[in-house]
PDB file of N, CA and C in Angstrom:
ATOM      1  N   ASP A   1     120.877  91.777  82.525  1.00  0.00           N
ATOM      2  CA  ASP A   1     121.269  91.786  83.866  1.00  0.00           C
ATOM      3  C   ASP A   1     120.031  91.588  85.347  1.00  0.00           C
ATOM      4  N   VAL A   2     119.839  89.944  85.357  1.00  0.00           N
ATOM      5  CA  VAL A   2     118.619  90.386  86.480  1.00  0.00           C
ATOM      6  C   VAL A   2     118.883  90.382  87.917  1.00  0.00           C
ATOM      7  N   ILE A   3     117.995  91.377  88.297  1.00  0.00           N
ATOM      8  CA  ILE A   3     118.281  91.706  90.091  1.00  0.00           C
ATOM      9  C   ILE A   3     117.418  90.630  90.825  1.00  0.00           C
ATOM     10  N   THR A   4     118.289  90.158  91.662  1.00  0.00           N
ATOM     11  CA  THR A   4     117.745  89.075  92.484  1.00  0.00           C
ATOM     12  C   THR A   4     117.235  90.217  93.900  1.00  0.00           C
ATOM     13  N   VAL A   5     116.138  90.840  94.789  1.00  0.00           N
ATOM     14  CA  VAL A   5     115.726  90.865  96.047  1.00  0.00           C
ATOM     15  C   VAL A   5     115.565  89.745  96.700  1.00  0.00           C
ATOM     16  N   LEU A   6     115.625  89.254  97.419  1.00  0.00           N
ATOM     17  CA  LEU A   6     116.193  88.259  98.991  1.00  0.00           C
ATOM     18  C   LEU A   6     115.169  89.332 100.610  1.00  0.00           C
ATOM     19  N   PHE A   7     113.488  88.693 100.464  1.00  0.00           N
ATOM     20  CA  PHE A   7     113.394  88.515 101.969  1.00  0.00           C
ATOM     21  C   PHE A   7     113.292  87.874 102.788  1.00  0.00           C
ATOM     22  N   ALA A   8     114.163  87.667 103.605  1.00  0.00           N
ATOM     23  CA  ALA A   8     114.772  87.289 105.246  1.00  0.00           C
ATOM     24  C   ALA A   8     113.852  87.247 105.840  1.00  0.00           C
ATOM     25  N   CYS A   9     113.906  85.976 106.878  1.00  0.00           N
ATOM     26  CA  CYS A   9     112.879  85.585 108.550  1.00  0.00           C
ATOM     27  C   CYS A   9     113.228  84.959 109.137  1.00  0.00           C
ATOM     28  N   VAL A  10     112.754  84.300 110.140  1.00  0.00           N
ATOM     29  CA  VAL A  10     113.471  83.238 110.644  1.00  0.00           C
ATOM     30  C   VAL A  10     112.632  82.487 110.495  1.00  0.00           C
ATOM     31  N   ALA A  11     111.736  82.383 110.278  1.00  0.00           N
ATOM     32  CA  ALA A  11     110.676  80.889 110.238  1.00  0.00           C
ATOM     33  C   ALA A  11     110.648  81.003 108.733  1.00  0.00           C
ATOM     34  N   ASN A  12     110.795  81.813 107.949  1.00  0.00           N
ATOM     35  CA  ASN A  12     110.263  82.176 105.855  1.00  0.00           C
ATOM     36  C   ASN A  12     108.724  81.337 106.083  1.00  0.00           C
ATOM     37  N   ALA A  13     108.326  81.470 107.271  1.00  0.00           N
ATOM     38  CA  ALA A  13     106.595  80.708 106.648  1.00  0.00           C
ATOM     39  C   ALA A  13     105.172  81.524 106.406  1.00  0.00           C
ATOM     40  N   GLY A  14     105.681  82.829 106.947  1.00  0.00           N
ATOM     41  CA  GLY A  14     104.766  84.265 106.159  1.00  0.00           C
ATOM     42  C   GLY A  14     105.340  85.418 105.530  1.00  0.00           C
ATOM     43  N   ARG A  15     105.701  86.251 106.407  1.00  0.00           N
ATOM     44  CA  ARG A  15     105.976  87.482 105.733  1.00  0.00           C
ATOM     45  C   ARG A  15     106.420  88.426 104.591  1.00  0.00           C
ATOM     46  N   SER A  16     108.022  87.192 104.906  1.00  0.00           N
ATOM     47  CA  SER A  16     108.645  86.907 103.300  1.00  0.00           C
ATOM     48  C   SER A  16     108.721  86.194 102.523  1.00  0.00           C
ATOM     49  N   GLN A  17     107.200  85.224 102.969  1.00  0.00           N
ATOM     50  CA  GLN A  17     106.790  84.317 102.059  1.00  0.00           C
ATOM     51  C   GLN A  17     106.041  84.939 100.743  1.00  0.00           C
ATOM     52  N   MET A  18     105.336  86.552 101.579  1.00  0.00           N
ATOM     53  CA  MET A  18     104.166  86.896 100.982  1.00  0.00           C
ATOM     54  C   MET A  18     104.888  88.004 100.370  1.00  0.00           C
ATOM     55  N   ALA A  19     105.768  88.440 100.800  1.00  0.00           N
ATOM     56  CA  ALA A  19     107.079  89.725 100.002  1.00  0.00           C
ATOM     57  C   ALA A  19     107.383  89.385  99.266  1.00  0.00           C
ATOM     58  N   ALA A  20     107.653  88.382  98.899  1.00  0.00           N
ATOM     59  CA  ALA A  20     108.697  87.260  97.821  1.00  0.00           C
ATOM     60  C   ALA A  20     107.287  87.406  96.940  1.00  0.00           C
ATOM     61  N   ALA A  21     106.425  86.977  96.900  1.00  0.00           N
ATOM     62  CA  ALA A  21     105.491  86.502  96.214  1.00  0.00           C
ATOM     63  C   ALA A  21     104.935  87.816  95.830  1.00  0.00           C
ATOM     64  N   LEU A  22     104.559  88.357  96.320  1.00  0.00           N
ATOM     65  CA  LEU A  22     103.659  90.136  95.168  1.00  0.00           C
ATOM     66  C   LEU A  22     104.751  90.935  94.732  1.00  0.00           C
ATOM     67  N   PHE A  23     106.400  90.489  95.207  1.00  0.00           N
ATOM     68  CA  PHE A  23     107.050  91.446  94.525  1.00  0.00           C
ATOM     69  C   PHE A  23     107.133  90.550  92.945  1.00  0.00           C
ATOM     70  N   ASN A  24     107.023  89.447  92.715  1.00  0.00           N
ATOM     71  CA  ASN A  24     107.251  88.173  91.664  1.00  0.00           C
ATOM     72  C   ASN A  24     106.387  88.587  91.123  1.00  0.00           C
ATOM     73  N   ALA A  25     104.594  88.920  91.385  1.00  0.00           N
ATOM     74  CA  ALA A  25     103.153  89.001  90.835  1.00  0.00           C
ATOM     75  C   ALA A  25     104.065  90.088  89.903  1.00  0.00           C
ATOM     76  N   PHE A  26     104.356  91.686  90.557  1.00  0.00           N
ATOM     77  CA  PHE A  26     104.376  92.675  90.419  1.00  0.00           C
ATOM     78  C   PHE A  26     105.777  92.912  89.550  1.00  0.00           C
ATOM     79  N   ALA A  27     106.682  92.606  89.630  1.00  0.00           N
ATOM     80  CA  ALA A  27     107.303  92.790  88.975  1.00  0.00           C
ATOM     81  C   ALA A  27     107.911  92.503  87.135  1.00  0.00           C
ATOM     82  N   ASP A  28     109.105  92.639  86.924  1.00  0.00           N
ATOM     83  CA  ASP A  28     109.118  92.218  85.768  1.00  0.00           C
ATOM     84  C   ASP A  28     110.441  91.430  85.110  1.00  0.00           C
ATOM     85  N   PRO A  29     109.657  89.960  85.084  1.00  0.00           N
ATOM     86  CA  PRO A  29     110.907  89.150  85.571  1.00  0.00           C
ATOM     87  C   PRO A  29     111.933  88.987  84.405  1.00  0.00           C
ATOM     88  N   ALA A  30     112.056  89.955  83.762  1.00  0.00           N
ATOM     89  CA  ALA A  30     113.391  90.300  82.834  1.00  0.00           C
ATOM     90  C   ALA A  30     114.070  90.918  83.874  1.00  0.00           C
ATOM     91  N   LYS A  31     113.410  91.610  84.794  1.00  0.00           N
ATOM     92  CA  LYS A  31     114.453  92.700  85.061  1.00  0.00           C
ATOM     93  C   LYS A  31     114.660  92.347  86.499  1.00  0.00           C
ATOM     94  N   ALA A  32     113.866  92.022  87.443  1.00  0.00           N
ATOM     95  CA  ALA A  32     113.612  91.529  88.798  1.00  0.00           C
ATOM     96  C   ALA A  32     113.075  89.939  88.912  1.00  0.00           C
ATOM     97  N   ARG A  33     113.408  89.574  90.109  1.00  0.00           N
ATOM     98  CA  ARG A  33     113.431  88.026  90.818  1.00  0.00           C
ATOM     99  C   ARG A  33     113.134  88.315  92.581  1.00  0.00           C
ATOM    100  N   ALA A  34     112.577  88.223  93.197  1.00  0.00           N
ATOM    101  CA  ALA A  34     112.309  87.752  94.610  1.00  0.00           C
ATOM    102  C   ALA A  34     112.678  86.239  95.010  1.00  0.00           C
ATOM    103  N   LEU A  35     113.159  85.937  95.973  1.00  0.00           N
ATOM    104  CA  LEU A  35     113.742  84.938  97.099  1.00  0.00           C
ATOM    105  C   LEU A  35     113.539  85.165  98.092  1.00  0.00           C
ATOM    106  N   SER A  36     112.353  84.300  98.837  1.00  0.00           N
ATOM    107  CA  SER A  36     112.610  84.493 100.428  1.00  0.00           C
ATOM    108  C   SER A  36     113.402  83.199 101.040  1.00  0.00           C
ATOM    109  N   ALA A  37     113.775  83.488 102.331  1.00  0.00           N
ATOM    110  CA  ALA A  37     114.462  82.326 103.090  1.00  0.00           C
ATOM    111  C   ALA A  37     114.566  82.929 104.607  1.00  0.00           C
ATOM    112  N   GLY A  38     114.980  81.996 105.363  1.00  0.00           N
ATOM    113  CA  GLY A  38     114.998  81.821 107.038  1.00  0.00           C
ATOM    114  C   GLY A  38     115.711  81.775 107.178  1.00  0.00           C
ATOM    115  N   THR A  39     116.124  81.849 108.318  1.00  0.00           N
ATOM    116  CA  THR A  39     117.796  80.953 109.432  1.00  0.00           C
ATOM    117  C   THR A  39     117.234  80.105 110.116  1.00  0.00           C
ATOM    118  N   ARG A  40     115.589  79.756 110.548  1.00  0.00           N
ATOM    119  CA  ARG A  40     115.702  78.064 111.146  1.00  0.00           C
ATOM    120  C   ARG A  40     113.862  78.504 110.761  1.00  0.00           C
ATOM    121  N   PRO A  41     113.925  77.404 109.004  1.00  0.00           N
ATOM    122  CA  PRO A  41     112.827  77.895 108.477  1.00  0.00           C
ATOM    123  C   PRO A  41     111.628  76.934 109.540  1.00  0.00           C
ATOM    124  N   GLY A  42     110.353  77.137 109.204  1.00  0.00           N
ATOM    125  CA  GLY A  42     109.110  76.590 109.898  1.00  0.00           C
ATOM    126  C   GLY A  42     109.051  75.426 109.168  1.00  0.00           C
ATOM    127  N   PRO A  43     108.410  74.518 109.453  1.00  0.00           N
ATOM    128  CA  PRO A  43     107.556  73.138 108.516  1.00  0.00           C
ATOM    129  C   PRO A  43     107.043  72.946 107.673  1.00  0.00           C
ATOM    130  N   ALA A  44     106.011  74.425 107.102  1.00  0.00           N
ATOM    131  CA  ALA A  44     105.197  74.961 106.677  1.00  0.00           C
ATOM    132  C   ALA A  44     105.008  76.106 106.137  1.00  0.00           C
ATOM    133  N   VAL A  45     104.407  77.284 105.303  1.00  0.00           N
ATOM    134  CA  VAL A  45     103.842  78.275 105.066  1.00  0.00           C
ATOM    135  C   VAL A  45     102.621  78.931 105.935  1.00  0.00           C
ATOM    136  N   HIS A  46     102.517  79.143 107.309  1.00  0.00           N
ATOM    137  CA  HIS A  46     101.547  78.867 107.506  1.00  0.00           C
ATOM    138  C   HIS A  46      99.939  79.155 106.512  1.00  0.00           C
ATOM    139  N   PRO A  47      99.200  78.439 107.079  1.00  0.00           N
ATOM    140  CA  PRO A  47      97.886  78.396 106.199  1.00  0.00           C
ATOM    141  C   PRO A  47      96.555  79.386 106.152  1.00  0.00           C
ATOM    142  N   GLU A  48      96.855  80.035 107.762  1.00  0.00           N
ATOM    143  CA  GLU A  48      96.684  81.578 106.784  1.00  0.00           C
ATOM    144  C   GLU A  48      97.333  82.847 106.016  1.00  0.00           C
ATOM    145  N   VAL A  49      98.414  82.124 105.779  1.00  0.00           N
ATOM    146  CA  VAL A  49      99.394  83.026 104.256  1.00  0.00           C
ATOM    147  C   VAL A  49      98.420  82.898 103.693  1.00  0.00           C
ATOM    148  N   VAL A  50      98.869  81.348 103.150  1.00  0.00           N
ATOM    149  CA  VAL A  50      98.039  80.501 102.199  1.00  0.00           C
ATOM    150  C   VAL A  50      96.256  81.385 101.688  1.00  0.00           C
ATOM    151  N   THR A  51      96.131  81.277 102.663  1.00  0.00           N
ATOM    152  CA  THR A  51      94.593  81.585 102.431  1.00  0.00           C
ATOM    153  C   THR A  51      94.423  83.060 101.836  1.00  0.00           C
ATOM    154  N   VAL A  52      95.066  84.078 102.779  1.00  0.00           N
ATOM    155  CA  VAL A  52      95.118  85.162 102.753  1.00  0.00           C
ATOM    156  C   VAL A  52      95.875  85.629 101.146  1.00  0.00           C
ATOM    157  N   MET A  53      96.975  84.496 100.667  1.00  0.00           N
ATOM    158  CA  MET A  53      97.191  85.197  99.532  1.00  0.00           C
ATOM    159  C   MET A  53      96.260  84.281  97.976  1.00  0.00           C
ATOM    160  N   ARG A  54      96.350  83.481  98.245  1.00  0.00           N
ATOM    161  CA  ARG A  54      95.226  82.824  97.160  1.00  0.00           C
ATOM    162  C   ARG A  54      93.976  83.894  96.909  1.00  0.00           C
ATOM    163  N   GLU A  55      93.541  84.679  98.464  1.00  0.00           N
ATOM    164  CA  GLU A  55      92.595  85.026  97.852  1.00  0.00           C
ATOM    165  C   GLU A  55      93.172  86.851  97.464  1.00  0.00           C
ATOM    166  N   ALA A  56      94.067  86.827  96.919  1.00  0.00           N
ATOM    167  CA  ALA A  56      94.916  88.069  96.858  1.00  0.00           C
ATOM    168  C   ALA A  56      95.443  87.426  95.173  1.00  0.00           C
ATOM    169  N   GLY A  57      94.836  86.013  94.550  1.00  0.00           N
ATOM    170  CA  GLY A  57      95.416  85.768  92.783  1.00  0.00           C
ATOM    171  C   GLY A  57      97.232  84.513  92.955  1.00  0.00           C
ATOM    172  N   VAL A  58      97.636  84.538  94.165  1.00  0.00           N
ATOM    173  CA  VAL A  58      98.436  84.481  94.519  1.00  0.00           C
ATOM    174  C   VAL A  58      98.355  83.039  94.804  1.00  0.00           C
ATOM    175  N   ASP A  59      99.128  81.819  94.664  1.00  0.00           N
ATOM    176  CA  ASP A  59      98.934  80.600  94.916  1.00  0.00           C
ATOM    177  C   ASP A  59     100.164  80.045  95.045  1.00  0.00           C
ATOM    178  N   LEU A  60     100.447  80.545  96.892  1.00  0.00           N
ATOM    179  CA  LEU A  60     101.914  79.632  97.887  1.00  0.00           C
ATOM    180  C   LEU A  60     101.128  78.128  98.621  1.00  0.00           C
ATOM    181  N   ALA A  61     100.335  77.644  97.783  1.00  0.00           N
ATOM    182  CA  ALA A  61     100.432  76.189  98.287  1.00  0.00           C
ATOM    183  C   ALA A  61     101.027  75.134  98.089  1.00  0.00           C
ATOM    184  N   GLN A  62     101.644  75.278  96.910  1.00  0.00           N
ATOM    185  CA  GLN A  62     103.062  74.494  97.233  1.00  0.00           C
ATOM    186  C   GLN A  62     104.601  74.611  97.398  1.00  0.00           C
ATOM    187  N   SER A  63     104.050  76.111  97.906  1.00  0.00           N
ATOM    188  CA  SER A  63     105.907  76.883  98.402  1.00  0.00           C
ATOM    189  C   SER A  63     105.785  75.938 100.453  1.00  0.00           C
ATOM    190  N   GLN A  64     107.413  76.070  99.957  1.00  0.00           N
ATOM    191  CA  GLN A  64     107.840  75.518 101.226  1.00  0.00           C
ATOM    192  C   GLN A  64     108.818  76.363 101.828  1.00  0.00           C
ATOM    193  N   PRO A  65     108.786  76.573 103.192  1.00  0.00           N
ATOM    194  CA  PRO A  65     109.916  77.260 103.668  1.00  0.00           C
ATOM    195  C   PRO A  65     111.645  76.524 103.943  1.00  0.00           C
ATOM    196  N   GLN A  66     112.209  77.904 103.185  1.00  0.00           N
ATOM    197  CA  GLN A  66     113.684  77.455 102.802  1.00  0.00           C
ATOM    198  C   GLN A  66     114.884  77.951 104.089  1.00  0.00           C
ATOM    199  N   ARG A  67     116.124  77.508 103.768  1.00  0.00           N
ATOM    200  CA  ARG A  67     117.159  78.469 104.670  1.00  0.00           C
ATOM    201  C   ARG A  67     117.799  78.787 103.641  1.00  0.00           C
ATOM    202  N   ARG A  68     118.351  80.364 104.862  1.00  0.00           N
ATOM    203  CA  ARG A  68     119.176  80.802 104.040  1.00  0.00           C
ATOM    204  C   ARG A  68     120.245  80.602 104.243  1.00  0.00           C
ATOM    205  N   THR A  69     121.013  80.493 103.038  1.00  0.00           N
ATOM    206  CA  THR A  69     122.606  79.656 102.942  1.00  0.00           C
ATOM    207  C   THR A  69     123.285  81.109 102.429  1.00  0.00           C
ATOM    208  N   PRO A  70     124.535  80.993 102.695  1.00  0.00           N
ATOM    209  CA  PRO A  70     125.952  81.626 102.411  1.00  0.00           C
ATOM    210  C   PRO A  70     126.365  81.636 100.934  1.00  0.00           C
ATOM    211  N   GLU A  71     125.205  81.304 100.249  1.00  0.00           N
ATOM    212  CA  GLU A  71     125.584  81.695  98.428  1.00  0.00           C
ATOM    213  C   GLU A  71     125.424  82.335  98.060  1.00  0.00           C
ATOM    214  N   PRO A  72     126.648  82.581  97.404  1.00  0.00           N
ATOM    215  CA  PRO A  72     126.078  84.098  95.752  1.00  0.00           C
ATOM    216  C   PRO A  72     124.819  85.122  96.516  1.00  0.00           C
ATOM    217  N   GLY A  73     124.543  85.841  96.190  1.00  0.00           N
ATOM    218  CA  GLY A  73     122.993  86.279  96.388  1.00  0.00           C
ATOM    219  C   GLY A  73     122.247  86.344  97.493  1.00  0.00           C
ATOM    220  N   TRP A  74     122.633  85.920  98.211  1.00  0.00           N
ATOM    221  CA  TRP A  74     121.520  85.240  99.333  1.00  0.00           C
ATOM    222  C   TRP A  74     122.646  85.589 100.653  1.00  0.00           C
ATOM    223  N   SER A  75     123.169  86.941 100.514  1.00  0.00           N
ATOM    224  CA  SER A  75     124.439  87.532 101.766  1.00  0.00           C
ATOM    225  C   SER A  75     124.008  88.963 102.059  1.00  0.00           C
TER     226      SER A  75
END
């Protein structure tokens, strides 16, 4: 079984996006993966977050804020 970790916040446009991306960059995908979502997602990931993560070797340019829903694994 693969463990799913949820990084949740309000806008899902900054720290939760970064946390999930870094988790996924270092985690063994056969064992764990991360998702991120927000209660009131913003229109886009903050441009400075995209820049900083690009400098860290992680591309968030195509990432979009997601709404947290009560689906299994998201509660």
